Amino acid sequence: MINAKPELRQHLRQTLQGVTIEQRQQWSQQVARRLFDLPEVRKADKFLLFAPLPEEIDTQPIFLQLREMNKQVAFPFVGPQQVDMHCMWVEAWEELMPNSLGFPEPPFDQEKEAAPETLEIILTPGLAFDRRGHRLGRGKGHFDRFFASRAPQAFRIGLFYSVQEVDLLPVDIWDFPLDMILTDQEIIRIIHVHETAAG
């Protein structure tokens, strides 16, 4: 069994590299269908979405549908210092540009910055998940810090392929669990939504 986070990240990156373009398209469509069936999504107005890396769930169709539904959609902005995550309201997908690390993000614009406490749903990426609601990120901790200190009120939904599931993720004190996980196969509602990694 792979336990250490660095080993898990390497293993999951290899797994994702094996996902074909056709699989990514099909699985992304299945995730999106499940997402828009959720009453939480239909009711909410303010979302934080992520722009994917090439091997992640394709979120552009999700963004376009949210905008068609007159939802407000923000995207993370980390910037060159790579420390704290901010959020910018985005009206068109073309506003997103690759940053120095290759992650698509909006430009920083103070007038477009979204107040974290107003976000209702955060749609979250990751390399892996388990059924306790824990996710394995890419090692920077941006989402976990944002969840805990800036937007604890938001409903946190992880978007994953089913092949990214692991039996039990190693958890650190700063890891913050998800409320729900959507995959191409199922919807997983997490029971202990307020349980912390230390609890």
Protein backbone atom coordinates (compact mmCIF):
# COMPACT_ATOMS: atom_id res chain seq x y z
CA MET A 1 0.00 0.00 0.00
CA ILE A 2 1.27 3.49 -0.87
CA ASN A 3 1.16 5.72 2.21
CA ALA A 4 3.48 8.70 1.83
CA LYS A 5 1.98 11.73 0.09
CA PRO A 6 4.94 12.21 -2.31
CA GLU A 7 4.68 8.57 -3.41
CA LEU A 8 0.92 8.90 -3.80
CA ARG A 9 1.29 12.02 -5.90
CA GLN A 10 3.74 10.30 -8.21
CA HIS A 11 1.46 7.27 -8.51
CA LEU A 12 -1.64 9.37 -9.24
CA ARG A 13 0.17 11.52 -11.79
CA GLN A 14 1.09 8.35 -13.64
CA THR A 15 -2.53 7.19 -13.42
CA LEU A 16 -3.79 10.47 -14.85
CA GLN A 17 -1.25 10.40 -17.65
CA GLY A 18 -2.90 7.14 -18.76
CA VAL A 19 -6.33 8.76 -19.18
CA THR A 20 -7.09 9.16 -22.88
CA ILE A 21 -8.64 12.27 -24.42
CA GLU A 22 -11.81 10.27 -25.12
CA GLN A 23 -12.02 9.06 -21.51
CA ARG A 24 -11.47 12.56 -20.17
CA GLN A 25 -14.26 13.92 -22.34
CA GLN A 26 -16.70 11.16 -21.44
CA TRP A 27 -15.91 11.18 -17.72
CA SER A 28 -16.04 14.98 -17.54
CA GLN A 29 -19.51 14.96 -19.10
CA GLN A 30 -20.68 12.38 -16.55
CA VAL A 31 -19.34 14.47 -13.67
CA ALA A 32 -21.02 17.59 -15.05
CA ARG A 33 -24.39 15.84 -15.37
CA ARG A 34 -24.24 14.78 -11.74
CA LEU A 35 -23.21 18.27 -10.67
CA PHE A 36 -26.16 20.00 -12.30
CA ASP A 37 -28.59 17.46 -10.85
CA LEU A 38 -27.68 18.62 -7.33
CA PRO A 39 -30.21 20.82 -5.52
CA GLU A 40 -27.30 22.61 -3.83
CA VAL A 41 -26.01 23.71 -7.23
CA ARG A 42 -29.39 24.82 -8.56
CA LYS A 43 -29.99 26.89 -5.41
CA ALA A 44 -26.57 28.55 -5.09
CA ASP A 45 -25.58 31.74 -6.89
CA LYS A 46 -21.85 32.19 -6.19
CA PHE A 47 -19.29 29.55 -7.11
CA LEU A 48 -15.55 29.09 -7.06
CA LEU A 49 -14.41 26.91 -9.96
CA PHE A 50 -10.94 25.79 -11.06
CA ALA A 51 -9.39 25.86 -14.51
CA PRO A 52 -8.03 22.37 -15.12
CA LEU A 53 -4.64 21.08 -16.02
CA PRO A 54 -4.73 18.93 -19.19
CA GLU A 55 -5.25 15.68 -17.27
CA GLU A 56 -7.98 16.97 -14.93
CA ILE A 57 -11.77 17.12 -15.30
CA ASP A 58 -12.67 19.52 -18.11
CA THR A 59 -14.43 22.39 -16.32
CA GLN A 60 -15.03 24.70 -19.27
CA PRO A 61 -18.49 23.20 -20.04
CA ILE A 62 -19.35 23.54 -16.33
CA PHE A 63 -18.35 27.20 -16.39
CA LEU A 64 -20.40 27.88 -19.51
CA GLN A 65 -23.49 26.21 -18.07
CA LEU A 66 -23.17 28.05 -14.76
CA ARG A 67 -22.98 31.34 -16.65
CA GLU A 68 -26.03 30.37 -18.75
CA MET A 69 -27.83 29.86 -15.44
CA ASN A 70 -26.81 33.41 -14.42
CA LYS A 71 -24.52 32.15 -11.66
CA GLN A 72 -21.48 34.16 -10.62
CA VAL A 73 -18.25 32.21 -11.06
CA ALA A 74 -14.87 33.03 -9.56
CA PHE A 75 -11.53 31.36 -10.22
CA PRO A 76 -8.49 31.07 -7.96
CA PHE A 77 -5.62 33.51 -8.33
CA VAL A 78 -2.35 32.61 -6.62
CA GLY A 79 0.08 34.91 -8.36
CA PRO A 80 3.88 34.88 -8.54
CA GLN A 81 4.43 34.63 -4.78
CA GLN A 82 2.45 31.36 -4.61
CA VAL A 83 1.33 31.99 -1.02
CA ASP A 84 -2.30 32.97 -0.42
CA MET A 85 -5.12 32.16 -2.80
CA HIS A 86 -7.48 34.92 -3.91
CA CYS A 87 -10.59 34.68 -6.11
CA MET A 88 -11.54 36.73 -9.15
CA TRP A 89 -14.99 36.89 -10.75
CA VAL A 90 -14.74 35.74 -14.37
CA GLU A 91 -17.31 36.41 -17.08
CA ALA A 92 -15.58 34.72 -20.04
CA TRP A 93 -13.32 31.66 -20.19
CA GLU A 94 -10.89 33.62 -22.39
CA GLU A 95 -9.96 35.76 -19.38
CA LEU A 96 -7.94 32.81 -18.00
CA MET A 97 -4.25 32.73 -18.89
CA PRO A 98 -1.47 30.30 -17.88
CA ASN A 99 0.64 31.59 -15.00
CA SER A 100 4.35 30.96 -14.48
CA LEU A 101 3.62 27.41 -13.26
CA GLY A 102 1.32 26.58 -16.16
CA PHE A 103 -1.91 26.85 -14.16
CA PRO A 104 -4.64 28.83 -15.95
CA GLU A 105 -5.85 31.70 -13.77
CA PRO A 106 -7.49 35.11 -14.16
CA PRO A 107 -5.40 38.27 -13.89
CA PHE A 108 -5.46 40.01 -10.54
CA ASP A 109 -8.03 42.81 -10.52
CA GLN A 110 -9.00 44.27 -7.18
CA GLU A 111 -12.34 45.42 -8.58
CA LYS A 112 -13.16 41.82 -9.59
CA GLU A 113 -11.96 40.14 -6.41
CA ALA A 114 -14.61 37.91 -4.83
CA ALA A 115 -15.13 38.09 -1.08
CA PRO A 116 -14.48 34.52 0.16
CA GLU A 117 -17.27 34.73 2.73
CA THR A 118 -19.84 35.19 -0.04
CA LEU A 119 -18.95 31.95 -1.86
CA GLU A 120 -21.59 29.25 -1.57
CA ILE A 121 -20.00 26.34 -3.44
CA ILE A 122 -16.33 25.62 -4.07
CA LEU A 123 -15.61 23.12 -6.85
CA THR A 124 -12.25 21.59 -6.08
CA PRO A 125 -9.58 19.63 -7.97
CA GLY A 126 -7.14 17.08 -6.59
CA LEU A 127 -4.93 14.15 -7.39
CA ALA A 128 -6.80 11.64 -5.22
CA PHE A 129 -9.69 11.25 -2.77
CA ASP A 130 -10.99 8.80 -0.21
CA ARG A 131 -14.50 8.19 1.07
CA ARG A 132 -13.92 10.16 4.26
CA GLY A 133 -13.89 13.29 2.11
CA HIS A 134 -10.15 13.85 2.19
CA ARG A 135 -8.36 14.96 -0.95
CA LEU A 136 -4.76 14.88 -2.01
CA GLY A 137 -3.75 18.18 -3.58
CA ARG A 138 -0.56 19.02 -5.40
CA GLY A 139 1.37 19.91 -2.28
CA LYS A 140 1.01 23.70 -2.00
CA GLY A 141 -1.93 23.69 0.43
CA HIS A 142 -3.73 26.60 -1.23
CA PHE A 143 -7.22 25.09 -1.12
CA ASP A 144 -6.90 23.71 2.41
CA ARG A 145 -5.79 27.08 3.80
CA PHE A 146 -8.54 28.81 1.86
CA PHE A 147 -11.18 26.38 3.17
CA ALA A 148 -10.11 26.74 6.78
CA SER A 149 -9.35 30.43 7.13
CA ARG A 150 -11.23 32.29 4.41
CA ALA A 151 -14.31 30.33 3.28
CA PRO A 152 -15.31 27.76 5.93
CA GLN A 153 -19.00 28.40 5.16
CA ALA A 154 -18.80 27.19 1.55
CA PHE A 155 -20.03 23.76 0.46
CA ARG A 156 -16.95 21.96 -0.82
CA ILE A 157 -17.37 19.60 -3.79
CA GLY A 158 -14.44 17.64 -5.21
CA LEU A 159 -14.52 16.77 -8.92
CA PHE A 160 -12.62 13.56 -9.70
CA TYR A 161 -12.37 10.57 -11.98
CA SER A 162 -13.30 7.34 -10.21
CA VAL A 163 -9.77 6.02 -10.92
CA GLN A 164 -8.46 8.66 -8.50
CA GLU A 165 -10.03 6.96 -5.48
CA VAL A 166 -7.71 5.47 -2.86
CA ASP A 167 -8.66 3.44 0.20
CA LEU A 168 -7.26 5.77 2.84
CA LEU A 169 -5.36 9.01 2.35
CA PRO A 170 -2.71 10.11 4.84
CA VAL A 171 -4.06 13.21 6.59
CA ASP A 172 -2.15 16.13 8.06
CA ILE A 173 -3.45 18.52 10.71
CA TRP A 174 -4.03 21.27 8.14
CA ASP A 175 -5.99 19.11 5.67
CA PHE A 176 -9.62 20.17 5.32
CA PRO A 177 -12.22 17.58 4.23
CA LEU A 178 -14.72 17.95 1.42
CA ASP A 179 -18.50 17.86 1.85
CA MET A 180 -19.15 15.90 -1.33
CA ILE A 181 -17.26 14.09 -4.07
CA LEU A 182 -18.49 13.73 -7.64
CA THR A 183 -16.98 11.20 -10.02
CA ASP A 184 -17.94 9.75 -13.37
CA GLN A 185 -19.46 6.84 -11.42
CA GLU A 186 -21.24 8.29 -8.39
CA ILE A 187 -22.06 11.02 -5.90
CA ILE A 188 -20.43 10.57 -2.48
CA ARG A 189 -21.92 12.65 0.32
CA ILE A 190 -19.60 12.92 3.30
CA ILE A 191 -21.34 12.38 6.62
CA HIS A 192 -18.85 14.00 8.99
CA VAL A 193 -18.67 17.29 7.11
CA HIS A 194 -17.35 19.26 10.12
CA GLU A 195 -14.73 16.75 11.20
CA THR A 196 -11.23 18.17 11.04
CA ALA A 197 -8.05 16.25 10.40
CA ALA A 198 -7.25 16.54 14.09
CA GLY A 199 -10.66 15.37 15.24
